[in-house]
Protein backbone atom coordinates (compact mmCIF):
# COMPACT_ATOMS: atom_id res chain seq x y z
CA MET A 1 0.00 0.00 0.00
CA VAL A 2 0.99 3.58 -0.64
CA ARG A 3 0.15 6.53 1.61
CA ILE A 4 -0.40 9.97 0.08
CA VAL A 5 -0.33 12.95 2.46
CA PHE A 6 -1.49 16.37 1.24
CA TYR A 7 -1.33 19.74 3.06
CA ARG A 8 -4.23 21.41 1.25
CA GLY A 9 -4.09 24.71 3.15
CA LYS A 10 -0.78 25.53 1.45
CA CYS A 11 -1.95 24.56 -2.06
CA ILE A 12 -1.59 27.26 -4.73
CA GLY A 13 -3.67 25.39 -7.35
CA CYS A 14 -0.92 25.02 -9.95
CA ASN A 15 -2.55 21.85 -11.36
CA GLY A 16 0.75 19.90 -11.52
CA CYS A 17 -0.65 17.04 -9.46
CA VAL A 18 -3.76 16.78 -11.64
CA GLU A 19 -1.63 16.55 -14.78
CA ALA A 20 0.49 13.73 -13.30
CA ALA A 21 -2.30 11.70 -11.64
CA PRO A 22 -5.74 12.77 -12.91
CA ASN A 23 -7.46 9.79 -11.30
CA ARG A 24 -6.34 10.89 -7.81
CA TRP A 25 -6.38 14.71 -8.02
CA ARG A 26 -8.94 17.37 -9.01
CA VAL A 27 -9.02 21.16 -8.94
CA SER A 28 -11.81 22.57 -6.78
CA LYS A 29 -14.23 24.87 -8.57
CA LYS A 30 -14.94 26.58 -5.23
CA ASP A 31 -11.48 27.86 -4.33
CA GLY A 32 -9.09 26.79 -7.11
CA ARG A 33 -7.03 24.54 -4.85
CA CYS A 34 -6.48 20.88 -5.59
CA ASN A 35 -8.31 18.04 -3.87
CA LEU A 36 -6.97 14.59 -3.07
CA ILE A 37 -9.74 12.27 -4.24
CA GLU A 38 -10.96 10.02 -1.40
CA GLY A 39 -8.57 11.77 1.00
CA LYS A 40 -9.67 11.84 4.64
CA GLU A 41 -9.12 15.18 6.39
CA LYS A 42 -7.75 15.59 9.90
CA LYS A 43 -6.58 19.01 11.11
CA GLY A 44 -6.20 20.29 7.56
CA ILE A 45 -4.08 17.36 6.39
CA TYR A 46 -5.55 14.92 3.88
CA GLN A 47 -4.43 11.29 3.65
CA VAL A 48 -5.38 8.28 1.59
CA LEU A 49 -4.08 4.74 1.19
CA VAL A 50 -3.91 3.51 -2.40
CA ASN A 51 -2.63 0.46 -4.28
CA ASP A 52 1.01 0.21 -5.29
CA ASP A 53 0.14 0.75 -8.95
CA GLU A 54 -0.57 4.44 -8.18
CA TYR A 55 2.89 5.03 -6.70
CA ALA A 56 4.76 6.28 -9.78
CA GLU A 57 2.16 8.79 -10.95
CA ASN A 58 1.72 10.24 -7.46
CA VAL A 59 5.48 10.57 -6.96
CA GLN A 60 5.39 12.58 -10.19
CA ALA A 61 2.52 14.65 -8.74
CA ALA A 62 4.64 15.36 -5.65
CA THR A 63 7.61 16.25 -7.84
CA ASN A 64 5.47 18.63 -9.92
CA CYS A 65 4.22 20.46 -6.83
CA PRO A 66 6.13 23.78 -6.56
CA VAL A 67 5.29 24.22 -2.86
CA LYS A 68 6.19 20.58 -1.96
CA ILE A 69 3.03 19.79 0.03
CA ILE A 70 2.49 16.23 -1.24
CA GLN A 71 4.23 13.25 0.36
CA VAL A 72 4.10 9.74 -1.09
CA SER A 73 5.47 6.70 0.74
CA PHE A 74 5.04 2.95 1.02
CA VAL A 75 3.26 1.74 4.14
């Protein structure tokens, strides 16, 4: 399993994560920030566990993020 951690409050809505992993990320129409699909929020930090096959594209999403607020790691 892979854990994705996302600090949404610091998101600038650059869309880099959506381009790398469109099945896991979306841009909010309300505020322009990105959303981690199926992410569970706790104190402003979103997390989700996904299958290993999503690892590479979400590492690319984290790499694309200019404010470095996405963390991807194996559990």
